[in-house]
Amino acid sequence: MSYSEWLNSIKDNMKQVMVGKTEVIDLLMVSMLCSGHVLLEDVPGLGKTVMAKSLAKSIEGSFHRIQFTPDLLPSDVTGLNFYNQKTGDFQFRKGPVFCNILLADEINRATPRTQSSLLEAMEERQVTIDGETYPLAAPFMVIATQNPIESQGTFPLPEAQLDRFFMKISMGYPTAEEEVEILKRVMMSHPVDHLQAVTNTEKLLDAQEAAKQVKISDEVMAYIVNIVQTTRNHPHIAVGASPRGSIALMKGSKALAMLRGRDYVKPEDVKELAPSILGHRMVLDGAYVLTGEESGVFVEQLLMDVTVPLENDIA
């Protein structure tokens, strides 16, 4: 079985639970292949939690969910050392961050101190407690959610933390036909409760290494850099995408090519991923941060100003 077929088996398994959302699942798969973290921004009730659970079950990975609230402490995320009276020693109790897929629900409801407790885990794949470092599981992926409408009682994520997310995705409402299908599927029980694994985390680690081997031409890399440079020189953008954005766009394009069954990157791969990868890495004049849908439209407009390499140039 090729990696493309393997990835599609995971997609098909998730579609037993998720109705529609093919594009969102593709973006989630790309992030997974790149060891990237995802910020799902949309109103409640659209299936963000279910999507995270279905991915974890499909790859037979451990899954934990944290409901972020203003009184949540960093130790509630990472864990803490506690005194065991029976042994007379301090012991480390692991927090929910020790898993393969962590759902950080409504992450913007926690205080900045608690939000920042995820930074080391997301970037370094480790946590440090009382001077001692503990490695996290591999693979490790954070899927965070936030509501773009309700702002009362929230603490917006700073740009430094937004930049740690590989992608920012909006789920979107289902169509009328899709919603009818959702009602049929959950009539007796929720399908995610019966979902079975189709692969394991060891195979995922192999796929992540294989995605790095996908070829990308100098012309396509130059195209990626030109897009990112455009975000830095645009008159209405106060802060453009960093080199981390260029790296993410390159890695994501290679993963998307593998998902599509190719061993090389096309400019279309870059164009497809640019809105989700670059949108949240920009700040407009007046320190205005775009929502998921707005950022996608804005980046699509930017892409119109960048020359696309010809097919002959990347062969």
C-alpha atoms as a PDB file:
ATOM      1  CA  MET A   1       0.000   0.000   0.000  1.00  0.00           C
ATOM      2  CA  SER A   2       1.367   3.408  -0.984  1.00  0.00           C
ATOM      3  CA  TYR A   3       1.400   6.267   1.482  1.00  0.00           C
ATOM      4  CA  SER A   4      -1.311   7.996  -0.541  1.00  0.00           C
ATOM      5  CA  GLU A   5      -3.555   4.929  -0.241  1.00  0.00           C
ATOM      6  CA  TRP A   6      -2.703   4.667   3.455  1.00  0.00           C
ATOM      7  CA  LEU A   7      -3.661   8.305   4.037  1.00  0.00           C
ATOM      8  CA  ASN A   8      -6.894   7.865   2.133  1.00  0.00           C
ATOM      9  CA  SER A   9      -7.776   4.883   4.332  1.00  0.00           C
ATOM     10  CA  ILE A  10      -7.561   7.216   7.347  1.00  0.00           C
ATOM     11  CA  LYS A  11      -9.701   9.797   5.533  1.00  0.00           C
ATOM     12  CA  ASP A  12     -12.325   7.199   4.655  1.00  0.00           C
ATOM     13  CA  ASN A  13     -12.397   6.020   8.245  1.00  0.00           C
ATOM     14  CA  MET A  14     -12.925   9.563   9.528  1.00  0.00           C
ATOM     15  CA  LYS A  15     -15.691  10.092   6.989  1.00  0.00           C
ATOM     16  CA  GLN A  16     -17.682   7.393   8.768  1.00  0.00           C
ATOM     17  CA  VAL A  17     -18.060  10.026  11.472  1.00  0.00           C
ATOM     18  CA  MET A  18     -17.584  13.357   9.691  1.00  0.00           C
ATOM     19  CA  VAL A  19     -20.153  14.312   7.054  1.00  0.00           C
ATOM     20  CA  GLY A  20     -18.620  16.431   4.303  1.00  0.00           C
ATOM     21  CA  LYS A  21     -15.581  18.392   5.546  1.00  0.00           C
ATOM     22  CA  THR A  22     -13.289  16.681   3.013  1.00  0.00           C
ATOM     23  CA  GLU A  23     -11.137  19.795   2.624  1.00  0.00           C
ATOM     24  CA  VAL A  24     -10.848  20.215   6.398  1.00  0.00           C
ATOM     25  CA  ILE A  25      -9.838  16.558   6.803  1.00  0.00           C
ATOM     26  CA  ASP A  26      -7.198  17.001   4.080  1.00  0.00           C
ATOM     27  CA  LEU A  27      -5.742  20.002   5.912  1.00  0.00           C
ATOM     28  CA  LEU A  28      -5.736  18.049   9.176  1.00  0.00           C
ATOM     29  CA  MET A  29      -3.922  15.168   7.476  1.00  0.00           C
ATOM     30  CA  VAL A  30      -1.298  17.534   6.056  1.00  0.00           C
ATOM     31  CA  SER A  31      -0.684  19.025   9.503  1.00  0.00           C
ATOM     32  CA  MET A  32      -0.399  15.535  10.984  1.00  0.00           C
ATOM     33  CA  LEU A  33       2.206  14.538   8.368  1.00  0.00           C
ATOM     34  CA  CYS A  34       4.219  17.673   9.176  1.00  0.00           C
ATOM     35  CA  SER A  35       4.042  17.175  12.967  1.00  0.00           C
ATOM     36  CA  GLY A  36       2.147  20.455  13.034  1.00  0.00           C
ATOM     37  CA  HIS A  37      -0.490  21.817  15.380  1.00  0.00           C
ATOM     38  CA  VAL A  38      -3.890  23.088  14.273  1.00  0.00           C
ATOM     39  CA  LEU A  39      -6.101  25.920  15.485  1.00  0.00           C
ATOM     40  CA  LEU A  40      -9.756  25.246  14.651  1.00  0.00           C
ATOM     41  CA  GLU A  41     -11.676  28.506  14.770  1.00  0.00           C
ATOM     42  CA  ASP A  42     -15.442  28.346  14.476  1.00  0.00           C
ATOM     43  CA  VAL A  43     -18.685  28.576  16.414  1.00  0.00           C
ATOM     44  CA  PRO A  44     -19.551  25.726  18.832  1.00  0.00           C
ATOM     45  CA  GLY A  45     -21.330  22.593  17.676  1.00  0.00           C
ATOM     46  CA  LEU A  46     -19.708  22.055  14.279  1.00  0.00           C
ATOM     47  CA  GLY A  47     -17.824  18.878  15.154  1.00  0.00           C
ATOM     48  CA  LYS A  48     -14.373  20.110  16.146  1.00  0.00           C
ATOM     49  CA  THR A  49     -14.129  17.742  19.119  1.00  0.00           C
ATOM     50  CA  VAL A  50     -15.533  14.840  17.116  1.00  0.00           C
ATOM     51  CA  MET A  51     -12.984  15.425  14.356  1.00  0.00           C
ATOM     52  CA  ALA A  52     -10.090  15.322  16.827  1.00  0.00           C
ATOM     53  CA  LYS A  53     -11.436  12.137  18.431  1.00  0.00           C
ATOM     54  CA  SER A  54     -11.962  10.419  15.074  1.00  0.00           C
ATOM     55  CA  LEU A  55      -8.385  11.187  14.026  1.00  0.00           C
ATOM     56  CA  ALA A  56      -6.981   9.834  17.294  1.00  0.00           C
ATOM     57  CA  LYS A  57      -9.058   6.657  17.043  1.00  0.00           C
ATOM     58  CA  SER A  58      -8.106   6.127  13.396  1.00  0.00           C
ATOM     59  CA  ILE A  59      -4.377   6.080  14.170  1.00  0.00           C
ATOM     60  CA  GLU A  60      -4.795   4.193  17.478  1.00  0.00           C
ATOM     61  CA  GLY A  61      -3.305   7.146  19.316  1.00  0.00           C
ATOM     62  CA  SER A  62      -3.888   8.304  22.879  1.00  0.00           C
ATOM     63  CA  PHE A  63      -6.269  11.240  23.173  1.00  0.00           C
ATOM     64  CA  HIS A  64      -6.797  13.780  25.930  1.00  0.00           C
ATOM     65  CA  ARG A  65      -9.099  16.785  26.089  1.00  0.00           C
ATOM     66  CA  ILE A  66      -8.592  19.893  28.208  1.00  0.00           C
ATOM     67  CA  GLN A  67     -11.432  22.361  28.713  1.00  0.00           C
ATOM     68  CA  PHE A  68      -9.627  25.683  29.011  1.00  0.00           C
ATOM     69  CA  THR A  69     -11.140  28.047  31.598  1.00  0.00           C
ATOM     70  CA  PRO A  70      -9.854  31.196  33.340  1.00  0.00           C
ATOM     71  CA  ASP A  71      -9.023  29.251  36.529  1.00  0.00           C
ATOM     72  CA  LEU A  72      -7.017  26.538  34.733  1.00  0.00           C
ATOM     73  CA  LEU A  73      -3.429  26.377  35.984  1.00  0.00           C
ATOM     74  CA  PRO A  74      -0.294  25.469  33.975  1.00  0.00           C
ATOM     75  CA  SER A  75       0.122  22.383  36.165  1.00  0.00           C
ATOM     76  CA  ASP A  76      -3.357  21.249  35.089  1.00  0.00           C
ATOM     77  CA  VAL A  77      -1.903  20.985  31.584  1.00  0.00           C
ATOM     78  CA  THR A  78       1.646  19.764  32.083  1.00  0.00           C
ATOM     79  CA  GLY A  79       1.452  17.909  35.398  1.00  0.00           C
ATOM     80  CA  LEU A  80       3.141  18.487  38.744  1.00  0.00           C
ATOM     81  CA  ASN A  81       5.333  16.981  41.442  1.00  0.00           C
ATOM     82  CA  PHE A  82       3.389  15.888  44.519  1.00  0.00           C
ATOM     83  CA  TYR A  83       4.503  14.539  47.866  1.00  0.00           C
ATOM     84  CA  ASN A  84       3.674  10.871  48.376  1.00  0.00           C
ATOM     85  CA  GLN A  85       3.232  10.334  52.105  1.00  0.00           C
ATOM     86  CA  LYS A  86       3.512   6.549  51.767  1.00  0.00           C
ATOM     87  CA  THR A  87       6.956   6.633  50.145  1.00  0.00           C
ATOM     88  CA  GLY A  88       8.147   9.929  51.609  1.00  0.00           C
ATOM     89  CA  ASP A  89       9.234  11.126  48.146  1.00  0.00           C
ATOM     90  CA  PHE A  90       8.050  13.592  45.568  1.00  0.00           C
ATOM     91  CA  GLN A  91       6.551  11.941  42.487  1.00  0.00           C
ATOM     92  CA  PHE A  92       5.687  13.368  39.103  1.00  0.00           C
ATOM     93  CA  ARG A  93       2.059  13.106  38.034  1.00  0.00           C
ATOM     94  CA  LYS A  94       1.732  13.522  34.278  1.00  0.00           C
ATOM     95  CA  GLY A  95      -0.747  16.043  32.945  1.00  0.00           C
ATOM     96  CA  PRO A  96      -3.062  15.538  29.965  1.00  0.00           C
ATOM     97  CA  VAL A  97      -0.409  16.947  27.601  1.00  0.00           C
ATOM     98  CA  PHE A  98       1.233  13.504  27.687  1.00  0.00           C
ATOM     99  CA  CYS A  99      -0.661  11.957  24.774  1.00  0.00           C
ATOM    100  CA  ASN A 100      -0.559  11.685  20.985  1.00  0.00           C
ATOM    101  CA  ILE A 101      -3.406  14.086  20.215  1.00  0.00           C
ATOM    102  CA  LEU A 102      -4.359  16.824  22.668  1.00  0.00           C
ATOM    103  CA  LEU A 103      -7.589  18.758  22.207  1.00  0.00           C
ATOM    104  CA  ALA A 104      -7.229  22.205  23.789  1.00  0.00           C
ATOM    105  CA  ASP A 105     -10.879  23.230  23.833  1.00  0.00           C
ATOM    106  CA  GLU A 106     -11.562  26.985  23.838  1.00  0.00           C
ATOM    107  CA  ILE A 107      -7.897  27.743  24.371  1.00  0.00           C
ATOM    108  CA  ASN A 108      -8.491  31.508  24.406  1.00  0.00           C
ATOM    109  CA  ARG A 109     -10.505  31.223  27.639  1.00  0.00           C
ATOM    110  CA  ALA A 110      -7.389  30.419  29.681  1.00  0.00           C
ATOM    111  CA  THR A 111      -5.082  33.091  31.048  1.00  0.00           C
ATOM    112  CA  PRO A 112      -1.903  33.940  29.092  1.00  0.00           C
ATOM    113  CA  ARG A 113       0.164  32.142  31.747  1.00  0.00           C
ATOM    114  CA  THR A 114      -1.711  28.898  31.158  1.00  0.00           C
ATOM    115  CA  GLN A 115      -1.717  29.368  27.385  1.00  0.00           C
ATOM    116  CA  SER A 116       2.059  29.762  27.455  1.00  0.00           C
ATOM    117  CA  SER A 117       2.423  26.448  29.276  1.00  0.00           C
ATOM    118  CA  LEU A 118       1.715  24.805  25.931  1.00  0.00           C
ATOM    119  CA  LEU A 119       4.481  26.681  24.086  1.00  0.00           C
ATOM    120  CA  GLU A 120       7.344  24.408  25.132  1.00  0.00           C
ATOM    121  CA  ALA A 121       5.237  21.316  24.478  1.00  0.00           C
ATOM    122  CA  MET A 122       4.253  22.488  20.997  1.00  0.00           C
ATOM    123  CA  GLU A 123       7.702  23.636  19.942  1.00  0.00           C
ATOM    124  CA  GLU A 124      10.103  21.332  21.789  1.00  0.00           C
ATOM    125  CA  ARG A 125       7.877  18.261  22.274  1.00  0.00           C
ATOM    126  CA  GLN A 126       8.762  18.296  25.969  1.00  0.00           C
ATOM    127  CA  VAL A 127       7.761  19.899  29.268  1.00  0.00           C
ATOM    128  CA  THR A 128       9.975  21.096  32.079  1.00  0.00           C
ATOM    129  CA  ILE A 129       8.737  20.731  35.659  1.00  0.00           C
ATOM    130  CA  ASP A 130      10.853  21.976  38.577  1.00  0.00           C
ATOM    131  CA  GLY A 131      13.960  21.961  36.402  1.00  0.00           C
ATOM    132  CA  GLU A 132      13.488  18.418  35.083  1.00  0.00           C
ATOM    133  CA  THR A 133      12.583  17.809  31.440  1.00  0.00           C
ATOM    134  CA  TYR A 134      10.103  15.149  30.348  1.00  0.00           C
ATOM    135  CA  PRO A 135       9.761  14.165  26.660  1.00  0.00           C
ATOM    136  CA  LEU A 136       6.291  13.899  25.145  1.00  0.00           C
ATOM    137  CA  ALA A 137       4.895  11.028  23.119  1.00  0.00           C
ATOM    138  CA  ALA A 138       5.675  10.731  19.419  1.00  0.00           C
ATOM    139  CA  PRO A 139       3.747  11.649  17.411  1.00  0.00           C
ATOM    140  CA  PHE A 140       2.350  14.632  19.327  1.00  0.00           C
ATOM    141  CA  MET A 141      -0.251  17.031  17.947  1.00  0.00           C
ATOM    142  CA  VAL A 142      -2.266  19.833  19.531  1.00  0.00           C
ATOM    143  CA  ILE A 143      -5.686  20.599  18.080  1.00  0.00           C
ATOM    144  CA  ALA A 144      -6.900  23.804  19.706  1.00  0.00           C
ATOM    145  CA  THR A 145     -10.323  25.383  19.283  1.00  0.00           C
ATOM    146  CA  GLN A 146     -11.636  28.871  19.775  1.00  0.00           C
ATOM    147  CA  ASN A 147     -14.909  30.690  19.154  1.00  0.00           C
ATOM    148  CA  PRO A 148     -14.387  33.724  16.875  1.00  0.00           C
ATOM    149  CA  ILE A 149     -17.719  35.322  17.821  1.00  0.00           C
ATOM    150  CA  GLU A 150     -17.801  35.350  21.614  1.00  0.00           C
ATOM    151  CA  SER A 151     -15.020  37.536  23.031  1.00  0.00           C
ATOM    152  CA  GLN A 152     -16.278  38.190  26.570  1.00  0.00           C
ATOM    153  CA  GLY A 153     -14.086  36.483  29.143  1.00  0.00           C
ATOM    154  CA  THR A 154     -11.404  35.488  26.635  1.00  0.00           C
ATOM    155  CA  PHE A 155      -7.679  36.153  26.379  1.00  0.00           C
ATOM    156  CA  PRO A 156      -6.673  36.439  22.698  1.00  0.00           C
ATOM    157  CA  LEU A 157      -3.674  34.336  21.729  1.00  0.00           C
ATOM    158  CA  PRO A 158      -0.549  36.484  21.237  1.00  0.00           C
ATOM    159  CA  GLU A 159       1.147  36.484  17.846  1.00  0.00           C
ATOM    160  CA  ALA A 160       4.057  34.421  19.209  1.00  0.00           C
ATOM    161  CA  GLN A 161       1.692  31.606  20.146  1.00  0.00           C
ATOM    162  CA  LEU A 162      -0.392  31.874  16.980  1.00  0.00           C
ATOM    163  CA  ASP A 163       2.814  31.394  14.998  1.00  0.00           C
ATOM    164  CA  ARG A 164       3.327  28.025  16.738  1.00  0.00           C
ATOM    165  CA  PHE A 165       0.222  26.677  15.026  1.00  0.00           C
ATOM    166  CA  PHE A 166       0.950  25.093  11.687  1.00  0.00           C
ATOM    167  CA  MET A 167      -2.528  25.926  10.381  1.00  0.00           C
ATOM    168  CA  LYS A 168      -5.624  27.863  11.299  1.00  0.00           C
ATOM    169  CA  ILE A 169      -8.780  26.250   9.895  1.00  0.00           C
ATOM    170  CA  SER A 170     -12.463  27.145   9.857  1.00  0.00           C
ATOM    171  CA  MET A 171     -14.935  24.234   9.825  1.00  0.00           C
ATOM    172  CA  GLY A 172     -17.942  26.010   8.333  1.00  0.00           C
ATOM    173  CA  TYR A 173     -21.617  25.078   8.535  1.00  0.00           C
ATOM    174  CA  PRO A 174     -22.856  21.917   6.799  1.00  0.00           C
ATOM    175  CA  THR A 175     -25.197  22.101   3.833  1.00  0.00           C
ATOM    176  CA  ALA A 176     -28.852  21.147   4.312  1.00  0.00           C
ATOM    177  CA  GLU A 177     -28.224  17.709   2.791  1.00  0.00           C
ATOM    178  CA  GLU A 178     -25.180  17.138   4.997  1.00  0.00           C
ATOM    179  CA  GLU A 179     -27.100  18.142   8.102  1.00  0.00           C
ATOM    180  CA  VAL A 180     -29.847  15.632   7.308  1.00  0.00           C
ATOM    181  CA  GLU A 181     -27.160  12.950   7.001  1.00  0.00           C
ATOM    182  CA  ILE A 182     -25.733  14.014  10.379  1.00  0.00           C
ATOM    183  CA  LEU A 183     -29.149  13.557  11.990  1.00  0.00           C
ATOM    184  CA  LYS A 184     -29.446  10.068  10.516  1.00  0.00           C
ATOM    185  CA  ARG A 185     -26.017   9.002  11.759  1.00  0.00           C
ATOM    186  CA  VAL A 186     -26.532  10.123  15.374  1.00  0.00           C
ATOM    187  CA  MET A 187     -30.136   8.927  15.666  1.00  0.00           C
ATOM    188  CA  MET A 188     -29.286   5.832  17.728  1.00  0.00           C
ATOM    189  CA  SER A 189     -25.694   6.458  18.882  1.00  0.00           C
ATOM    190  CA  HIS A 190     -22.757   8.587  17.881  1.00  0.00           C
ATOM    191  CA  PRO A 191     -20.618   6.893  15.206  1.00  0.00           C
ATOM    192  CA  VAL A 192     -17.369   8.028  16.830  1.00  0.00           C
ATOM    193  CA  ASP A 193     -18.102   5.654  19.724  1.00  0.00           C
ATOM    194  CA  HIS A 194     -17.816   2.668  17.371  1.00  0.00           C
ATOM    195  CA  LEU A 195     -14.936   3.884  15.214  1.00  0.00           C
ATOM    196  CA  GLN A 196     -12.067   1.423  14.849  1.00  0.00           C
ATOM    197  CA  ALA A 197      -8.381   2.089  14.158  1.00  0.00           C
ATOM    198  CA  VAL A 198      -7.096   1.526  10.618  1.00  0.00           C
ATOM    199  CA  THR A 199      -3.401   2.096  11.372  1.00  0.00           C
ATOM    200  CA  ASN A 200      -1.059   2.908  14.250  1.00  0.00           C
ATOM    201  CA  THR A 201       1.289   5.646  15.381  1.00  0.00           C
ATOM    202  CA  GLU A 202       4.396   3.735  14.233  1.00  0.00           C
ATOM    203  CA  LYS A 203       3.146   3.821  10.648  1.00  0.00           C
ATOM    204  CA  LEU A 204       2.403   7.527  11.049  1.00  0.00           C
ATOM    205  CA  LEU A 205       5.995   8.206  12.102  1.00  0.00           C
ATOM    206  CA  ASP A 206       7.180   6.399   8.955  1.00  0.00           C
ATOM    207  CA  ALA A 207       4.809   8.505   6.833  1.00  0.00           C
ATOM    208  CA  GLN A 208       6.116  11.706   8.406  1.00  0.00           C
ATOM    209  CA  GLU A 209       9.642  10.755   7.364  1.00  0.00           C
ATOM    210  CA  ALA A 210       8.454   9.827   3.862  1.00  0.00           C
ATOM    211  CA  ALA A 211       6.779  13.219   3.433  1.00  0.00           C
ATOM    212  CA  LYS A 212      10.160  14.893   3.920  1.00  0.00           C
ATOM    213  CA  GLN A 213      11.494  13.030   0.860  1.00  0.00           C
ATOM    214  CA  VAL A 214       8.960  14.532  -1.567  1.00  0.00           C
ATOM    215  CA  LYS A 215      10.831  16.612  -4.158  1.00  0.00           C
ATOM    216  CA  ILE A 216      10.384  20.357  -4.486  1.00  0.00           C
ATOM    217  CA  SER A 217      12.075  22.430  -7.184  1.00  0.00           C
ATOM    218  CA  ASP A 218      14.008  25.656  -6.662  1.00  0.00           C
ATOM    219  CA  GLU A 219      11.333  27.449  -8.690  1.00  0.00           C
ATOM    220  CA  VAL A 220       8.540  26.355  -6.360  1.00  0.00           C
ATOM    221  CA  MET A 221      10.628  27.267  -3.306  1.00  0.00           C
ATOM    222  CA  ALA A 222      11.188  30.699  -4.836  1.00  0.00           C
ATOM    223  CA  TYR A 223       7.421  30.923  -5.367  1.00  0.00           C
ATOM    224  CA  ILE A 224       6.858  30.196  -1.662  1.00  0.00           C
ATOM    225  CA  VAL A 225       9.365  32.865  -0.641  1.00  0.00           C
ATOM    226  CA  ASN A 226       7.783  35.411  -3.009  1.00  0.00           C
ATOM    227  CA  ILE A 227       4.384  34.810  -1.418  1.00  0.00           C
ATOM    228  CA  VAL A 228       5.765  35.262   2.090  1.00  0.00           C
ATOM    229  CA  GLN A 229       7.749  38.343   1.034  1.00  0.00           C
ATOM    230  CA  THR A 230       4.521  39.826  -0.311  1.00  0.00           C
ATOM    231  CA  THR A 231       2.963  39.598   3.158  1.00  0.00           C
ATOM    232  CA  ARG A 232       5.871  41.639   4.528  1.00  0.00           C
ATOM    233  CA  ASN A 233       5.663  44.382   1.906  1.00  0.00           C
ATOM    234  CA  HIS A 234       1.899  44.805   1.685  1.00  0.00           C
ATOM    235  CA  PRO A 235       0.755  48.360   2.625  1.00  0.00           C
ATOM    236  CA  HIS A 236      -2.085  47.094   4.849  1.00  0.00           C
ATOM    237  CA  ILE A 237      -0.074  44.432   6.719  1.00  0.00           C
ATOM    238  CA  ALA A 238       1.744  45.633   9.824  1.00  0.00           C
ATOM    239  CA  VAL A 239       3.476  42.301  10.526  1.00  0.00           C
ATOM    240  CA  GLY A 240       4.052  39.784   7.749  1.00  0.00           C
ATOM    241  CA  ALA A 241       4.713  36.066   7.942  1.00  0.00           C
ATOM    242  CA  SER A 242       8.046  34.970   9.447  1.00  0.00           C
ATOM    243  CA  PRO A 243      10.485  32.429   7.977  1.00  0.00           C
ATOM    244  CA  ARG A 244       8.598  29.866  10.063  1.00  0.00           C
ATOM    245  CA  GLY A 245       5.701  30.541   7.696  1.00  0.00           C
ATOM    246  CA  SER A 246       7.906  29.814   4.667  1.00  0.00           C
ATOM    247  CA  ILE A 247       9.113  26.569   6.220  1.00  0.00           C
ATOM    248  CA  ALA A 248       5.567  25.520   7.118  1.00  0.00           C
ATOM    249  CA  LEU A 249       4.336  26.252   3.589  1.00  0.00           C
ATOM    250  CA  MET A 250       7.159  24.194   2.082  1.00  0.00           C
ATOM    251  CA  LYS A 251       6.608  21.249   4.446  1.00  0.00           C
ATOM    252  CA  GLY A 252       2.851  21.397   3.993  1.00  0.00           C
ATOM    253  CA  SER A 253       3.111  21.457   0.207  1.00  0.00           C
ATOM    254  CA  LYS A 254       5.287  18.337   0.269  1.00  0.00           C
ATOM    255  CA  ALA A 255       2.782  16.567   2.525  1.00  0.00           C
ATOM    256  CA  LEU A 256      -0.141  17.587   0.316  1.00  0.00           C
ATOM    257  CA  ALA A 257       1.678  16.282  -2.755  1.00  0.00           C
ATOM    258  CA  MET A 258       2.111  12.924  -1.011  1.00  0.00           C
ATOM    259  CA  LEU A 259      -1.565  12.935  -0.057  1.00  0.00           C
ATOM    260  CA  ARG A 260      -2.397  13.510  -3.730  1.00  0.00           C
ATOM    261  CA  GLY A 261      -0.185  10.580  -4.781  1.00  0.00           C
ATOM    262  CA  ARG A 262       2.743  12.593  -6.191  1.00  0.00           C
ATOM    263  CA  ASP A 263       6.432  12.600  -5.294  1.00  0.00           C
ATOM    264  CA  TYR A 264       6.927  16.251  -6.276  1.00  0.00           C
ATOM    265  CA  VAL A 265       5.311  19.584  -5.367  1.00  0.00           C
ATOM    266  CA  LYS A 266       3.266  21.642  -7.797  1.00  0.00           C
ATOM    267  CA  PRO A 267       2.473  25.376  -7.424  1.00  0.00           C
ATOM    268  CA  GLU A 268      -1.177  24.386  -6.971  1.00  0.00           C
ATOM    269  CA  ASP A 269      -0.211  22.648  -3.709  1.00  0.00           C
ATOM    270  CA  VAL A 270       1.276  25.895  -2.437  1.00  0.00           C
ATOM    271  CA  LYS A 271      -1.748  27.936  -3.484  1.00  0.00           C
ATOM    272  CA  GLU A 272      -4.148  25.504  -1.813  1.00  0.00           C
ATOM    273  CA  LEU A 273      -2.367  25.636   1.549  1.00  0.00           C
ATOM    274  CA  ALA A 274      -1.277  29.285   1.679  1.00  0.00           C
ATOM    275  CA  PRO A 275      -4.535  30.673   3.182  1.00  0.00           C
ATOM    276  CA  SER A 276      -4.556  28.182   6.071  1.00  0.00           C
ATOM    277  CA  ILE A 277      -0.818  28.360   6.778  1.00  0.00           C
ATOM    278  CA  LEU A 278      -0.138  32.088   6.340  1.00  0.00           C
ATOM    279  CA  GLY A 279      -3.412  33.768   7.280  1.00  0.00           C
ATOM    280  CA  HIS A 280      -2.969  33.646  11.061  1.00  0.00           C
ATOM    281  CA  ARG A 281       0.691  34.716  10.833  1.00  0.00           C
ATOM    282  CA  MET A 282      -0.174  38.225   9.655  1.00  0.00           C
ATOM    283  CA  VAL A 283      -1.318  41.292  11.583  1.00  0.00           C
ATOM    284  CA  LEU A 284      -3.057  44.089   9.701  1.00  0.00           C
ATOM    285  CA  ASP A 285      -2.686  47.789  10.398  1.00  0.00           C
ATOM    286  CA  GLY A 286      -4.188  48.677  13.753  1.00  0.00           C
ATOM    287  CA  ALA A 287      -3.090  45.303  15.218  1.00  0.00           C
ATOM    288  CA  TYR A 288      -6.163  43.674  13.701  1.00  0.00           C
ATOM    289  CA  VAL A 289      -5.983  39.877  13.594  1.00  0.00           C
ATOM    290  CA  LEU A 290      -7.985  38.188  10.850  1.00  0.00           C
ATOM    291  CA  THR A 291     -10.474  35.435  11.582  1.00  0.00           C
ATOM    292  CA  GLY A 292     -10.081  32.126   9.756  1.00  0.00           C
ATOM    293  CA  GLU A 293     -12.458  32.965   6.916  1.00  0.00           C
ATOM    294  CA  GLU A 294     -11.173  36.527   6.512  1.00  0.00           C
ATOM    295  CA  SER A 295      -7.540  35.439   6.435  1.00  0.00           C
ATOM    296  CA  GLY A 296      -8.272  32.913   3.692  1.00  0.00           C
ATOM    297  CA  VAL A 297      -9.859  35.545   1.468  1.00  0.00           C
ATOM    298  CA  PHE A 298      -7.056  38.022   2.184  1.00  0.00           C
ATOM    299  CA  VAL A 299      -4.293  35.539   1.300  1.00  0.00           C
ATOM    300  CA  GLU A 300      -6.124  34.500  -1.869  1.00  0.00           C
ATOM    301  CA  GLN A 301      -6.047  38.145  -2.936  1.00  0.00           C
ATOM    302  CA  LEU A 302      -2.310  38.309  -2.187  1.00  0.00           C
ATOM    303  CA  LEU A 303      -1.691  35.243  -4.344  1.00  0.00           C
ATOM    304  CA  MET A 304      -3.052  37.086  -7.364  1.00  0.00           C
ATOM    305  CA  ASP A 305      -0.060  39.452  -7.183  1.00  0.00           C
ATOM    306  CA  VAL A 306       2.586  36.684  -7.220  1.00  0.00           C
ATOM    307  CA  THR A 307       3.773  35.132 -10.477  1.00  0.00           C
ATOM    308  CA  VAL A 308       3.150  31.381 -10.599  1.00  0.00           C
ATOM    309  CA  PRO A 309       5.971  29.172 -11.989  1.00  0.00           C
ATOM    310  CA  LEU A 310       5.167  27.450 -15.267  1.00  0.00           C
ATOM    311  CA  GLU A 311       4.864  23.668 -15.425  1.00  0.00           C
ATOM    312  CA  ASN A 312       7.991  23.470 -17.623  1.00  0.00           C
ATOM    313  CA  ASP A 313       9.983  25.294 -14.959  1.00  0.00           C
ATOM    314  CA  ILE A 314       9.324  22.729 -12.240  1.00  0.00           C
ATOM    315  CA  ALA A 315       9.608  19.519 -14.269  1.00  0.00           C
END
